[in-house]
């Protein structure tokens, strides 16, 4: 299994749910679920948190030590854009982008601030 659609379909079938039943659980239309499972489209960023909840885990979670990877993973899990994540953390989006790229490192004060939402 390599895609969100693969994981969704297997989990749905394991639970013996119809696409309609699943659509109520994750607030997506039956046709959207059909397209995911056929790997015609990928879930949008905003749908990922509900899908992770349905799956019971993030199938793409990776162990990483790099701050940029941790930030990207956190944004994906919570369905946040860079701009929204930066706003939540009260950090300038361009500063956050430079951390993600590894161009700069946050000060200890800013790192402590975002550690609460990142998995370390």
N, C-alpha and C. Protein backbone atom coordinates (compact mmCIF):
# COMPACT_ATOMS: atom_id res chain seq x y z
N UNK A 1 0.85 -1.18 0.00
CA UNK A 1 0.00 0.00 0.00
C UNK A 1 0.89 1.24 0.00
N UNK A 2 0.53 2.17 -0.86
CA UNK A 2 1.36 3.35 -0.98
C UNK A 2 0.58 4.66 -0.96
N UNK A 3 -0.71 4.61 -1.05
CA UNK A 3 -1.47 5.86 -1.15
C UNK A 3 -2.51 5.96 -0.04
N UNK A 4 -3.00 7.19 0.16
CA UNK A 4 -4.09 7.38 1.11
C UNK A 4 -5.28 6.50 0.71
N UNK A 5 -5.57 6.46 -0.58
CA UNK A 5 -6.70 5.67 -1.06
C UNK A 5 -6.57 4.20 -0.71
N UNK A 6 -5.36 3.65 -0.84
CA UNK A 6 -5.13 2.25 -0.49
C UNK A 6 -5.45 2.00 0.98
N UNK A 7 -4.93 2.86 1.84
CA UNK A 7 -5.15 2.70 3.29
C UNK A 7 -6.62 2.87 3.65
N UNK A 8 -7.28 3.83 3.03
CA UNK A 8 -8.70 4.08 3.31
C UNK A 8 -9.53 2.86 2.92
N UNK A 9 -9.30 2.34 1.74
CA UNK A 9 -10.09 1.20 1.26
C UNK A 9 -9.91 -0.03 2.14
N UNK A 10 -8.67 -0.34 2.48
CA UNK A 10 -8.41 -1.52 3.32
C UNK A 10 -9.10 -1.37 4.67
N UNK A 11 -8.95 -0.19 5.29
CA UNK A 11 -9.57 0.04 6.61
C UNK A 11 -11.09 -0.03 6.52
N UNK A 12 -11.66 0.57 5.47
CA UNK A 12 -13.12 0.56 5.29
C UNK A 12 -13.63 -0.86 5.13
N UNK A 13 -12.94 -1.65 4.33
CA UNK A 13 -13.36 -3.04 4.12
C UNK A 13 -13.16 -3.88 5.39
N UNK A 14 -12.07 -3.64 6.12
CA UNK A 14 -11.84 -4.35 7.39
C UNK A 14 -12.98 -4.09 8.36
N UNK A 15 -13.48 -2.87 8.36
CA UNK A 15 -14.57 -2.50 9.27
C UNK A 15 -15.95 -2.81 8.69
N UNK A 16 -15.96 -3.34 7.47
CA UNK A 16 -17.20 -3.69 6.77
C UNK A 16 -18.13 -2.48 6.62
N UNK A 17 -17.54 -1.36 6.26
CA UNK A 17 -18.31 -0.13 6.05
C UNK A 17 -18.53 0.09 4.55
N UNK A 18 -19.69 0.62 4.24
CA UNK A 18 -19.93 1.03 2.86
C UNK A 18 -19.29 2.41 2.67
N UNK A 19 -19.17 2.81 1.43
CA UNK A 19 -18.64 4.15 1.16
C UNK A 19 -19.57 5.20 1.77
N UNK A 20 -20.84 4.93 1.74
CA UNK A 20 -21.82 5.87 2.32
C UNK A 20 -21.60 6.01 3.82
N UNK A 21 -21.43 4.89 4.52
CA UNK A 21 -21.19 4.96 5.96
C UNK A 21 -19.92 5.72 6.27
N UNK A 22 -18.88 5.44 5.51
CA UNK A 22 -17.63 6.14 5.72
C UNK A 22 -17.77 7.63 5.44
N UNK A 23 -18.57 7.96 4.43
CA UNK A 23 -18.73 9.37 4.08
C UNK A 23 -19.29 10.18 5.25
N UNK A 24 -20.14 9.58 6.04
CA UNK A 24 -20.67 10.27 7.23
C UNK A 24 -19.59 10.45 8.29
N UNK A 25 -18.72 9.45 8.43
CA UNK A 25 -17.67 9.49 9.44
C UNK A 25 -16.62 10.56 9.18
N UNK A 26 -16.25 10.71 7.91
CA UNK A 26 -15.15 11.63 7.63
C UNK A 26 -15.59 12.87 6.86
N UNK A 27 -16.89 13.05 6.74
CA UNK A 27 -17.45 14.26 6.12
C UNK A 27 -16.93 14.48 4.70
N UNK A 28 -17.04 13.43 3.90
CA UNK A 28 -16.69 13.51 2.48
C UNK A 28 -17.77 12.77 1.70
N UNK A 29 -17.98 13.14 0.49
CA UNK A 29 -19.03 12.49 -0.31
C UNK A 29 -18.60 11.08 -0.71
N UNK A 30 -19.60 10.26 -1.04
CA UNK A 30 -19.30 8.90 -1.50
C UNK A 30 -18.44 8.93 -2.76
N UNK A 31 -18.72 9.86 -3.64
CA UNK A 31 -17.94 9.94 -4.88
C UNK A 31 -16.48 10.32 -4.59
N UNK A 32 -16.27 11.17 -3.58
CA UNK A 32 -14.90 11.53 -3.20
C UNK A 32 -14.17 10.30 -2.68
N UNK A 33 -14.83 9.52 -1.85
CA UNK A 33 -14.21 8.30 -1.32
C UNK A 33 -13.90 7.33 -2.47
N UNK A 34 -14.82 7.22 -3.41
CA UNK A 34 -14.59 6.38 -4.58
C UNK A 34 -13.32 6.82 -5.32
N UNK A 35 -13.19 8.12 -5.54
CA UNK A 35 -12.03 8.65 -6.25
C UNK A 35 -10.74 8.44 -5.46
N UNK A 36 -10.79 8.57 -4.13
CA UNK A 36 -9.61 8.31 -3.31
C UNK A 36 -9.18 6.85 -3.46
N UNK A 37 -10.17 5.96 -3.29
CA UNK A 37 -9.87 4.53 -3.32
C UNK A 37 -9.37 4.07 -4.68
N UNK A 38 -9.73 4.75 -5.72
CA UNK A 38 -9.26 4.43 -7.07
C UNK A 38 -7.97 5.18 -7.40
N UNK A 39 -7.51 5.96 -6.44
CA UNK A 39 -6.30 6.76 -6.60
C UNK A 39 -6.38 7.73 -7.78
N UNK A 40 -7.58 8.26 -7.97
CA UNK A 40 -7.80 9.27 -9.01
C UNK A 40 -7.50 10.66 -8.46
N UNK A 41 -7.77 10.86 -7.18
CA UNK A 41 -7.46 12.13 -6.51
C UNK A 41 -6.94 11.81 -5.12
N UNK A 42 -6.18 12.75 -4.57
CA UNK A 42 -5.70 12.60 -3.20
C UNK A 42 -6.55 13.47 -2.28
N UNK A 43 -6.66 13.08 -1.03
CA UNK A 43 -7.40 13.91 -0.08
C UNK A 43 -6.75 15.29 0.04
N UNK A 44 -7.58 16.28 0.28
CA UNK A 44 -7.05 17.62 0.48
C UNK A 44 -6.41 17.70 1.86
N UNK A 45 -5.60 18.71 2.03
CA UNK A 45 -4.91 18.91 3.30
C UNK A 45 -5.89 18.99 4.46
N UNK A 46 -7.02 19.64 4.24
CA UNK A 46 -8.00 19.80 5.33
C UNK A 46 -8.69 18.49 5.70
N UNK A 47 -8.66 17.50 4.81
CA UNK A 47 -9.31 16.21 5.09
C UNK A 47 -8.39 15.22 5.80
N UNK A 48 -7.11 15.46 5.77
CA UNK A 48 -6.15 14.51 6.33
C UNK A 48 -6.38 14.22 7.82
N UNK A 49 -6.65 15.22 8.68
CA UNK A 49 -6.87 14.89 10.10
C UNK A 49 -8.02 13.90 10.33
N UNK A 50 -9.12 14.06 9.60
CA UNK A 50 -10.26 13.12 9.76
C UNK A 50 -9.87 11.73 9.26
N UNK A 51 -9.10 11.66 8.19
CA UNK A 51 -8.69 10.37 7.66
C UNK A 51 -7.74 9.68 8.63
N UNK A 52 -6.81 10.42 9.20
CA UNK A 52 -5.89 9.83 10.19
C UNK A 52 -6.69 9.32 11.39
N UNK A 53 -7.68 10.07 11.79
CA UNK A 53 -8.55 9.63 12.90
C UNK A 53 -9.26 8.32 12.53
N UNK A 54 -9.79 8.24 11.31
CA UNK A 54 -10.47 7.04 10.84
C UNK A 54 -9.51 5.85 10.78
N UNK A 55 -8.32 6.08 10.26
CA UNK A 55 -7.34 5.00 10.13
C UNK A 55 -6.77 4.58 11.49
N UNK A 56 -6.80 5.50 12.45
CA UNK A 56 -6.25 5.21 13.77
C UNK A 56 -4.76 5.46 13.86
N UNK A 57 -4.18 5.96 12.78
CA UNK A 57 -2.76 6.26 12.74
C UNK A 57 -2.47 7.01 11.45
N UNK A 58 -1.29 7.59 11.39
CA UNK A 58 -0.84 8.22 10.16
C UNK A 58 0.05 7.22 9.44
N UNK A 59 -0.41 6.67 8.35
CA UNK A 59 0.38 5.63 7.67
C UNK A 59 1.68 6.13 7.06
N UNK A 60 1.82 7.44 6.94
CA UNK A 60 3.01 8.00 6.32
C UNK A 60 3.94 8.66 7.33
N UNK A 61 3.66 8.47 8.61
CA UNK A 61 4.50 9.07 9.64
C UNK A 61 5.90 8.46 9.57
N UNK A 62 6.86 9.34 9.61
CA UNK A 62 8.26 8.91 9.55
C UNK A 62 8.99 9.43 10.77
N UNK A 63 9.94 8.63 11.21
CA UNK A 63 10.83 9.10 12.27
C UNK A 63 11.85 10.02 11.63
N UNK A 64 12.01 11.17 12.17
CA UNK A 64 12.99 12.10 11.63
C UNK A 64 13.55 12.95 12.75
N UNK A 65 14.72 13.39 12.54
CA UNK A 65 15.37 14.27 13.51
C UNK A 65 15.41 15.71 13.02
N UNK A 66 15.12 15.93 11.74
CA UNK A 66 15.24 17.26 11.17
C UNK A 66 14.02 18.11 11.52
N UNK A 67 14.29 19.32 11.96
CA UNK A 67 13.22 20.24 12.34
C UNK A 67 12.27 20.49 11.19
N UNK A 68 12.79 20.73 9.98
CA UNK A 68 11.93 21.00 8.83
C UNK A 68 10.96 19.87 8.55
N UNK A 69 11.44 18.63 8.66
CA UNK A 69 10.58 17.47 8.44
C UNK A 69 9.50 17.39 9.52
N UNK A 70 9.88 17.69 10.75
CA UNK A 70 8.92 17.66 11.85
C UNK A 70 7.82 18.72 11.65
N UNK A 71 8.21 19.88 11.19
CA UNK A 71 7.22 20.93 10.94
C UNK A 71 6.27 20.51 9.83
N UNK A 72 6.82 19.99 8.73
CA UNK A 72 5.97 19.55 7.62
C UNK A 72 5.01 18.45 8.06
N UNK A 73 5.50 17.50 8.83
CA UNK A 73 4.66 16.41 9.32
C UNK A 73 3.54 16.94 10.22
N UNK A 74 3.87 17.84 11.09
CA UNK A 74 2.87 18.43 11.99
C UNK A 74 1.79 19.16 11.20
N UNK A 75 2.20 19.92 10.21
CA UNK A 75 1.23 20.65 9.38
C UNK A 75 0.30 19.67 8.67
N UNK A 76 0.88 18.59 8.15
CA UNK A 76 0.08 17.61 7.42
C UNK A 76 -0.91 16.91 8.34
N UNK A 77 -0.46 16.48 9.50
CA UNK A 77 -1.33 15.78 10.44
C UNK A 77 -2.51 16.64 10.84
N UNK A 78 -2.26 17.93 11.02
CA UNK A 78 -3.32 18.84 11.48
C UNK A 78 -4.04 19.54 10.34
N UNK A 79 -3.67 19.23 9.11
CA UNK A 79 -4.35 19.81 7.96
C UNK A 79 -4.16 21.31 7.84
N UNK A 80 -2.96 21.77 8.16
CA UNK A 80 -2.70 23.21 8.16
C UNK A 80 -1.77 23.62 7.02
N UNK A 81 -2.06 24.76 6.46
CA UNK A 81 -1.14 25.34 5.50
C UNK A 81 0.01 25.97 6.28
N UNK A 82 1.05 26.33 5.56
CA UNK A 82 2.18 26.99 6.22
C UNK A 82 1.74 28.29 6.88
N UNK A 83 0.91 29.02 6.17
CA UNK A 83 0.44 30.31 6.69
C UNK A 83 -0.38 30.13 7.97
N UNK A 84 -1.28 29.14 7.98
CA UNK A 84 -2.11 28.90 9.18
C UNK A 84 -1.28 28.40 10.35
N UNK A 85 -0.34 27.50 10.06
CA UNK A 85 0.51 26.99 11.13
C UNK A 85 1.34 28.13 11.73
N UNK A 86 1.90 28.96 10.86
CA UNK A 86 2.70 30.09 11.33
C UNK A 86 1.85 31.03 12.18
N UNK A 87 0.62 31.29 11.75
CA UNK A 87 -0.27 32.17 12.51
C UNK A 87 -0.58 31.57 13.88
N UNK A 88 -0.84 30.27 13.93
CA UNK A 88 -1.11 29.62 15.22
C UNK A 88 0.07 29.74 16.17
N UNK A 89 1.26 29.66 15.62
CA UNK A 89 2.47 29.71 16.44
C UNK A 89 2.99 31.13 16.62
N UNK A 90 2.28 32.08 16.01
CA UNK A 90 2.67 33.49 16.07
C UNK A 90 4.10 33.67 15.56
N UNK A 91 4.37 33.04 14.40
CA UNK A 91 5.66 33.10 13.75
C UNK A 91 5.43 33.60 12.33
N UNK A 92 6.32 34.39 11.82
CA UNK A 92 6.22 34.87 10.45
C UNK A 92 6.31 33.68 9.49
N UNK A 93 5.43 33.59 8.48
CA UNK A 93 5.47 32.46 7.54
C UNK A 93 6.80 32.30 6.80
N UNK A 94 7.46 33.40 6.50
CA UNK A 94 8.75 33.29 5.80
C UNK A 94 9.83 32.73 6.73
N UNK A 95 9.73 33.05 8.01
CA UNK A 95 10.66 32.48 8.99
C UNK A 95 10.44 30.98 9.09
N UNK A 96 9.18 30.59 9.17
CA UNK A 96 8.84 29.17 9.24
C UNK A 96 9.35 28.44 8.00
N UNK A 97 9.18 29.05 6.84
CA UNK A 97 9.64 28.43 5.59
C UNK A 97 11.15 28.23 5.61
N UNK A 98 11.88 29.20 6.16
CA UNK A 98 13.35 29.05 6.21
C UNK A 98 13.76 27.94 7.16
N UNK A 99 12.97 27.71 8.23
CA UNK A 99 13.25 26.59 9.13
C UNK A 99 13.00 25.27 8.41
N UNK A 100 11.89 25.21 7.66
CA UNK A 100 11.56 23.99 6.94
C UNK A 100 12.64 23.63 5.92
N UNK A 101 13.17 24.62 5.24
CA UNK A 101 14.21 24.38 4.25
C UNK A 101 15.56 24.08 4.89
N UNK A 102 15.69 24.40 6.16
CA UNK A 102 16.96 24.20 6.85
C UNK A 102 17.92 25.36 6.65
N UNK A 103 17.41 26.47 6.13
CA UNK A 103 18.26 27.64 5.91
C UNK A 103 18.66 28.31 7.22
N UNK A 104 17.77 28.27 8.19
CA UNK A 104 18.00 28.90 9.49
C UNK A 104 17.46 28.00 10.59
N UNK A 105 17.92 28.22 11.78
CA UNK A 105 17.44 27.52 12.97
C UNK A 105 16.76 28.53 13.88
N UNK A 106 15.69 28.12 14.55
CA UNK A 106 15.03 29.04 15.47
C UNK A 106 15.89 29.30 16.71
N UNK A 107 15.63 30.41 17.33
CA UNK A 107 16.26 30.68 18.62
C UNK A 107 15.72 29.68 19.63
N UNK A 108 16.38 29.52 20.74
CA UNK A 108 15.91 28.58 21.76
C UNK A 108 14.50 28.93 22.20
N UNK A 109 14.22 30.21 22.35
CA UNK A 109 12.89 30.66 22.78
C UNK A 109 11.81 30.23 21.76
N UNK A 110 12.08 30.44 20.47
CA UNK A 110 11.09 30.06 19.45
C UNK A 110 11.00 28.54 19.29
N UNK A 111 12.12 27.85 19.42
CA UNK A 111 12.09 26.40 19.35
C UNK A 111 11.26 25.82 20.50
N UNK A 112 11.45 26.35 21.70
CA UNK A 112 10.65 25.89 22.84
C UNK A 112 9.16 26.14 22.60
N UNK A 113 8.87 27.23 21.93
CA UNK A 113 7.48 27.58 21.64
C UNK A 113 6.81 26.56 20.72
N UNK A 114 7.53 26.12 19.68
CA UNK A 114 6.90 25.18 18.75
C UNK A 114 7.06 23.72 19.14
N UNK A 115 7.95 23.43 20.09
CA UNK A 115 8.14 22.04 20.53
C UNK A 115 6.87 21.43 21.06
N UNK A 116 6.01 22.22 21.64
CA UNK A 116 4.78 21.70 22.24
C UNK A 116 3.86 21.06 21.18
N UNK A 117 3.97 21.48 19.93
CA UNK A 117 3.10 20.91 18.90
C UNK A 117 3.84 19.91 18.01
N UNK A 118 5.16 19.90 18.07
CA UNK A 118 5.95 18.98 17.27
C UNK A 118 6.28 17.74 18.08
N UNK A 119 6.50 16.64 17.39
CA UNK A 119 6.86 15.39 18.05
C UNK A 119 8.38 15.32 18.11
N UNK A 120 8.94 15.40 19.32
CA UNK A 120 10.41 15.33 19.49
C UNK A 120 10.77 14.08 20.25
